[in-house]
Amino acid sequence: MADGGVSVIVPCYNEADGIGPVVAEIRAALAALERPAEVIVVDDGSTDATADRAAAAGCRLVRHETNRGYGAALKTGAREARHAILVITDGDGTYPNREIPRLVAQLEAGEDGARVDMVVGARTGAGAKIPFLRRPAKWALGRLANYLAGLRIPDLNSGLRVIRRELWTKYERFYPDGFSLTTTITLAALTNGHRVCYTAIDYHARVGRSKIRPVRDTLGFLQLILRTILYFDPMKVFLPGALSLLAASVLVGGSTLILSNVFGIGRFLDTTTSLLFVSALQLLAIGVLADLITKRLP
């Protein structure tokens, strides 16, 4: 695993129209690296000619008997990989795989003299074509992730990235089987002090039909972001909630006290104020306990 070789993992499901050219593009890019390299296509239970066309293009083909999900395919590919540097990309032609050597070089060169653990191709290039209907949810989820991680994340769930195997293995037990695996590894790395670099890439219109279900997958991403941050930095979730309840108790108590005693309007809402205050203390206590637990976990 210390050979400096590169394993490119391509999960795909019913991508017969796109997988052949994608494999050919990856192989051409890897030839420029002049080091051990492989292309692993994980056919995730496709019902079309995806497997045959991938094999014909020249790759290591791994097959799932049934459709298990994007994340499950990536995990299978990583376990099959022979080399220390992992690259993930998609089989639908959306990512510029010719950029793989540049991303690998950036991983190995580091940043400001420090080791880099993951390089992400951020879909912020001039030629990036993000579907319009995805943009509002992508923007909202990105802002939430930025706050919870405490860092600016140019692209939360880009599917083209180069990862050191040590980083991948360290958090593998948290990876979901669905589309949100890339979000999970991003948040896990950033909230645990790993250096992640971003480099602008283009993003093309896909070949074939998208597998993303906008409403369901957006809700899944939201749940995943909260769950991941709760595991690694729970106070980012509990502290704002506790402070909000505390502020509400002061607002309700103060305003009703003034209205009832000064102006003689209504009555002092002592029970409501007390409930809000106690709830704030309880939420804060839960957050502190969760934070202590996460700090003790390996």
Protein backbone atom coordinates (compact mmCIF):
# COMPACT_ATOMS: atom_id res chain seq x y z
CA MET A 1 0.00 0.00 0.00
CA ALA A 2 3.04 2.33 0.15
CA ASP A 3 3.83 2.00 -3.56
CA GLY A 4 2.50 5.43 -4.53
CA GLY A 5 0.16 3.80 -7.02
CA VAL A 6 -3.30 5.09 -7.83
CA SER A 7 -6.61 3.22 -7.76
CA VAL A 8 -9.51 4.94 -9.53
CA ILE A 9 -12.93 3.73 -8.36
CA VAL A 10 -15.95 4.27 -10.60
CA PRO A 11 -19.34 3.28 -9.14
CA CYS A 12 -22.06 2.92 -11.75
CA TYR A 13 -25.63 1.81 -12.14
CA ASN A 14 -27.18 1.55 -15.59
CA GLU A 15 -24.54 3.75 -17.25
CA ALA A 16 -24.15 1.73 -20.46
CA ASP A 17 -24.06 4.84 -22.63
CA GLY A 18 -21.38 6.62 -20.66
CA ILE A 19 -19.10 4.11 -18.94
CA GLY A 20 -16.98 3.14 -21.96
CA PRO A 21 -15.77 6.69 -22.77
CA VAL A 22 -15.29 7.40 -19.05
CA VAL A 23 -12.98 4.40 -18.61
CA ALA A 24 -11.06 5.34 -21.74
CA GLU A 25 -10.59 8.91 -20.48
CA ILE A 26 -9.39 7.68 -17.07
CA ARG A 27 -6.92 5.25 -18.61
CA ALA A 28 -5.48 8.01 -20.79
CA ALA A 29 -5.10 10.25 -17.73
CA LEU A 30 -3.44 7.51 -15.69
CA ALA A 31 -0.93 6.81 -18.47
CA ALA A 32 0.48 10.29 -17.88
CA LEU A 33 1.22 9.47 -14.24
CA GLU A 34 3.88 6.88 -15.10
CA ARG A 35 3.26 4.83 -11.96
CA PRO A 36 1.23 1.75 -10.97
CA ALA A 37 -2.44 2.46 -11.53
CA GLU A 38 -5.76 0.70 -11.99
CA VAL A 39 -9.35 1.47 -12.89
CA ILE A 40 -11.96 -0.35 -10.81
CA VAL A 41 -15.55 -0.18 -12.07
CA VAL A 42 -18.13 -1.32 -9.53
CA ASP A 43 -21.30 -2.29 -11.36
CA ASP A 44 -24.00 -1.78 -8.75
CA GLY A 45 -26.56 -4.27 -10.00
CA SER A 46 -27.09 -2.73 -13.44
CA THR A 47 -29.81 -4.18 -15.64
CA ASP A 48 -28.36 -2.90 -18.93
CA ALA A 49 -25.03 -3.46 -20.72
CA THR A 50 -22.95 -1.41 -18.25
CA ALA A 51 -20.79 -4.33 -17.10
CA ASP A 52 -20.01 -5.56 -20.61
CA ARG A 53 -19.07 -2.11 -21.90
CA ALA A 54 -16.93 -1.36 -18.85
CA ALA A 55 -15.04 -4.62 -19.24
CA ALA A 56 -14.57 -4.00 -22.96
CA ALA A 57 -13.06 -0.58 -22.20
CA GLY A 58 -10.38 -2.18 -20.02
CA CYS A 59 -10.88 -2.13 -16.26
CA ARG A 60 -11.12 -4.33 -13.20
CA LEU A 61 -14.81 -5.09 -13.00
CA VAL A 62 -16.51 -5.80 -9.67
CA ARG A 63 -20.22 -6.55 -9.62
CA HIS A 64 -22.99 -6.30 -7.06
CA GLU A 65 -25.80 -8.75 -7.65
CA THR A 66 -28.36 -6.13 -6.61
CA ASN A 67 -28.44 -2.35 -6.51
CA ARG A 68 -26.99 -1.43 -3.11
CA GLY A 69 -26.28 2.28 -3.56
CA TYR A 70 -23.55 4.71 -4.57
CA GLY A 71 -21.80 4.60 -1.20
CA ALA A 72 -21.89 0.82 -1.04
CA ALA A 73 -20.28 0.62 -4.48
CA LEU A 74 -17.51 3.01 -3.43
CA LYS A 75 -16.83 0.99 -0.27
CA THR A 76 -16.61 -2.21 -2.31
CA GLY A 77 -14.21 -0.55 -4.74
CA ALA A 78 -11.99 0.77 -1.93
CA ARG A 79 -11.72 -2.70 -0.41
CA GLU A 80 -10.70 -4.10 -3.80
CA ALA A 81 -8.16 -1.33 -4.47
CA ARG A 82 -4.49 -2.30 -4.53
CA HIS A 83 -2.89 1.11 -4.11
CA ALA A 84 -2.41 3.76 -1.42
CA ILE A 85 -4.00 6.66 -3.28
CA LEU A 86 -7.72 6.37 -4.00
CA VAL A 87 -9.52 8.40 -6.64
CA ILE A 88 -13.29 8.40 -6.95
CA THR A 89 -15.25 9.64 -9.94
CA ASP A 90 -18.58 8.98 -11.64
CA GLY A 91 -19.45 6.85 -14.64
CA ASP A 92 -21.83 9.31 -16.29
CA GLY A 93 -19.30 11.60 -17.96
CA THR A 94 -19.96 14.61 -15.72
CA TYR A 95 -16.45 14.93 -14.27
CA PRO A 96 -13.30 15.93 -16.22
CA ASN A 97 -11.21 12.85 -15.50
CA ARG A 98 -8.30 14.31 -17.45
CA GLU A 99 -7.75 16.38 -14.28
CA ILE A 100 -6.89 13.33 -12.17
CA PRO A 101 -3.09 13.73 -12.56
CA ARG A 102 -3.34 17.36 -11.40
CA LEU A 103 -5.35 16.39 -8.32
CA VAL A 104 -2.91 13.57 -7.48
CA ALA A 105 0.03 15.96 -7.84
CA GLN A 106 -1.66 18.44 -5.50
CA LEU A 107 -2.22 15.71 -2.91
CA GLU A 108 1.43 14.73 -2.96
CA ALA A 109 2.82 18.27 -3.07
CA GLY A 110 0.87 19.32 0.03
CA GLU A 111 -0.10 22.86 0.91
CA ASP A 112 2.17 25.42 2.59
CA GLY A 113 4.55 22.63 3.50
CA ALA A 114 1.82 20.59 5.24
CA ARG A 115 0.57 17.16 4.30
CA VAL A 116 -2.75 17.05 2.46
CA ASP A 117 -5.11 14.12 3.09
CA MET A 118 -7.73 14.78 0.43
CA VAL A 119 -8.03 16.91 -2.71
CA VAL A 120 -11.54 17.66 -3.92
CA GLY A 121 -12.47 18.80 -7.40
CA ALA A 122 -14.82 21.69 -6.62
CA ARG A 123 -17.47 22.25 -9.29
CA THR A 124 -16.79 25.97 -9.42
CA GLY A 125 -14.97 26.21 -12.75
CA ALA A 126 -16.16 28.43 -15.59
CA GLY A 127 -17.50 25.37 -17.41
CA ALA A 128 -19.37 23.87 -14.44
CA LYS A 129 -22.97 23.16 -15.41
CA ILE A 130 -24.92 22.40 -12.23
CA PRO A 131 -28.60 21.63 -13.04
CA PHE A 132 -30.73 24.63 -12.06
CA LEU A 133 -33.18 22.62 -9.94
CA ARG A 134 -30.35 21.34 -7.74
CA ARG A 135 -28.87 24.75 -6.98
CA PRO A 136 -31.22 26.00 -4.18
CA ALA A 137 -30.88 22.78 -2.13
CA LYS A 138 -27.14 22.62 -2.83
CA TRP A 139 -26.72 26.22 -1.66
CA ALA A 140 -28.77 25.72 1.53
CA LEU A 141 -27.04 22.48 2.50
CA GLY A 142 -23.67 24.06 1.78
CA ARG A 143 -24.37 27.02 4.09
CA LEU A 144 -25.48 24.67 6.87
CA ALA A 145 -22.39 22.50 6.45
CA ASN A 146 -20.14 25.58 6.46
CA TYR A 147 -21.58 26.68 9.80
CA LEU A 148 -21.47 23.26 11.42
CA ALA A 149 -17.93 22.52 10.22
CA GLY A 150 -16.73 26.03 11.01
CA LEU A 151 -15.01 26.26 7.64
CA ARG A 152 -15.85 27.35 4.12
CA ILE A 153 -16.56 24.27 1.99
CA PRO A 154 -16.51 25.15 -1.74
CA ASP A 155 -18.14 21.85 -2.76
CA LEU A 156 -19.61 19.59 -0.10
CA ASN A 157 -20.35 16.48 -2.16
CA SER A 158 -18.22 16.56 -5.29
CA GLY A 159 -17.79 13.09 -6.74
CA LEU A 160 -14.26 13.68 -8.08
CA ARG A 161 -11.66 13.56 -5.33
CA VAL A 162 -8.28 12.05 -4.45
CA ILE A 163 -8.01 10.51 -0.98
CA ARG A 164 -5.21 8.91 1.01
CA ARG A 165 -6.18 5.39 2.01
CA GLU A 166 -5.43 6.12 5.68
CA LEU A 167 -8.11 8.82 5.73
CA TRP A 168 -10.64 6.64 3.92
CA THR A 169 -10.08 3.70 6.27
CA LYS A 170 -10.19 5.76 9.46
CA TYR A 171 -13.82 6.80 8.99
CA GLU A 172 -15.13 3.97 6.85
CA ARG A 173 -17.49 2.76 9.57
CA PHE A 174 -19.47 6.00 9.23
CA TYR A 175 -19.97 5.89 5.47
CA PRO A 176 -23.57 5.41 4.31
CA ASP A 177 -24.57 3.29 1.35
CA GLY A 178 -26.27 6.16 -0.48
CA PHE A 179 -25.22 9.32 -2.32
CA SER A 180 -24.16 11.07 0.89
CA LEU A 181 -20.89 9.19 1.35
CA THR A 182 -18.91 12.08 -0.12
CA THR A 183 -20.61 14.49 2.28
CA THR A 184 -19.73 12.23 5.21
CA ILE A 185 -16.03 11.93 4.42
CA THR A 186 -15.82 15.69 3.84
CA LEU A 187 -17.33 16.55 7.22
CA ALA A 188 -15.44 13.78 9.02
CA ALA A 189 -12.13 15.03 7.64
CA LEU A 190 -12.76 18.73 8.28
CA THR A 191 -14.08 18.31 11.83
CA ASN A 192 -11.14 16.12 12.83
CA GLY A 193 -8.29 18.33 11.69
CA HIS A 194 -7.40 16.67 8.39
CA ARG A 195 -6.19 18.97 5.65
CA VAL A 196 -8.55 19.09 2.68
CA CYS A 197 -7.74 21.13 -0.42
CA TYR A 198 -10.12 22.24 -3.14
CA THR A 199 -9.32 22.89 -6.76
CA ALA A 200 -11.77 24.24 -9.34
CA ILE A 201 -12.98 21.86 -12.05
CA ASP A 202 -15.63 21.92 -14.75
CA TYR A 203 -18.77 19.83 -14.54
CA HIS A 204 -20.49 18.56 -17.66
CA ALA A 205 -24.02 17.51 -18.50
CA ARG A 206 -24.42 13.83 -17.69
CA VAL A 207 -24.84 11.03 -20.20
CA GLY A 208 -28.11 9.21 -19.59
CA ARG A 209 -30.69 9.69 -16.86
CA SER A 210 -29.89 10.99 -13.38
CA LYS A 211 -30.43 8.63 -10.42
CA ILE A 212 -30.84 11.47 -7.92
CA ARG A 213 -34.29 11.94 -6.34
CA PRO A 214 -34.28 15.66 -5.44
CA VAL A 215 -36.64 15.78 -2.42
CA ARG A 216 -35.72 12.46 -0.85
CA ASP A 217 -31.98 12.84 -1.39
CA THR A 218 -31.96 16.45 -0.13
CA LEU A 219 -33.66 15.38 3.09
CA GLY A 220 -31.19 12.52 3.34
CA PHE A 221 -28.25 14.93 2.93
CA LEU A 222 -29.68 17.19 5.65
CA GLN A 223 -30.10 14.28 8.05
CA LEU A 224 -26.61 13.06 7.24
CA ILE A 225 -25.00 16.46 7.86
CA LEU A 226 -26.66 16.77 11.27
CA ARG A 227 -25.82 13.19 12.24
CA THR A 228 -22.17 13.54 11.26
CA ILE A 229 -21.72 16.82 13.14
CA LEU A 230 -23.53 15.37 16.17
CA TYR A 231 -20.96 12.60 16.23
CA PHE A 232 -17.85 14.73 15.79
CA ASP A 233 -18.83 18.16 17.24
CA PRO A 234 -22.24 17.96 18.96
CA MET A 235 -22.01 21.37 20.64
CA LYS A 236 -22.38 22.99 17.20
CA VAL A 237 -25.94 21.63 17.22
CA PHE A 238 -26.92 21.73 20.90
CA LEU A 239 -25.44 25.11 21.89
CA PRO A 240 -27.47 27.25 19.42
CA GLY A 241 -30.64 25.43 20.48
CA ALA A 242 -29.92 25.99 24.18
CA LEU A 243 -29.11 29.66 23.63
CA SER A 244 -32.30 30.12 21.60
CA LEU A 245 -34.43 28.66 24.39
CA LEU A 246 -32.61 30.78 26.97
CA ALA A 247 -33.20 33.91 24.90
CA ALA A 248 -36.87 32.96 24.52
CA SER A 249 -37.25 32.53 28.29
CA VAL A 250 -35.75 35.98 28.92
CA LEU A 251 -37.91 37.55 26.21
CA VAL A 252 -41.16 35.94 27.37
CA GLY A 253 -40.45 36.51 31.04
CA GLY A 254 -39.27 40.09 30.67
CA SER A 255 -42.02 41.22 28.31
CA THR A 256 -44.87 39.66 30.29
CA LEU A 257 -43.44 41.00 33.55
CA ILE A 258 -43.43 44.54 32.15
CA LEU A 259 -46.88 44.20 30.61
CA SER A 260 -48.47 42.77 33.75
CA ASN A 261 -46.78 44.90 36.43
CA VAL A 262 -46.32 48.19 34.63
CA PHE A 263 -49.26 48.37 32.24
CA GLY A 264 -51.61 45.91 33.93
CA ILE A 265 -52.08 43.90 30.75
CA GLY A 266 -52.37 40.13 31.00
CA ARG A 267 -50.42 38.17 33.59
CA PHE A 268 -46.85 37.10 34.18
CA LEU A 269 -46.20 33.82 32.29
CA ASP A 270 -44.08 32.26 35.04
CA THR A 271 -44.72 28.64 33.99
CA THR A 272 -43.84 29.27 30.33
CA THR A 273 -40.71 31.19 31.31
CA SER A 274 -39.60 28.44 33.68
CA LEU A 275 -40.18 25.70 31.12
CA LEU A 276 -38.14 27.55 28.49
CA PHE A 277 -35.31 28.19 30.96
CA VAL A 278 -35.20 24.59 32.24
CA SER A 279 -35.36 23.26 28.67
CA ALA A 280 -32.37 25.44 27.76
CA LEU A 281 -30.37 24.04 30.68
CA GLN A 282 -31.33 20.47 29.80
CA LEU A 283 -30.37 20.89 26.14
CA LEU A 284 -27.05 22.43 27.15
CA ALA A 285 -26.38 19.57 29.57
CA ILE A 286 -27.14 16.98 26.88
CA GLY A 287 -24.76 18.79 24.51
CA VAL A 288 -21.96 18.83 27.09
CA LEU A 289 -22.43 15.12 27.80
CA ALA A 290 -22.48 14.31 24.07
CA ASP A 291 -19.31 16.35 23.59
CA LEU A 292 -17.54 14.51 26.41
CA ILE A 293 -18.59 11.15 24.97
CA THR A 294 -17.35 11.96 21.46
CA LYS A 295 -13.98 13.15 22.82
CA ARG A 296 -13.49 9.76 24.48
CA LEU A 297 -14.37 7.70 21.39
CA PRO A 298 -11.52 6.43 19.18
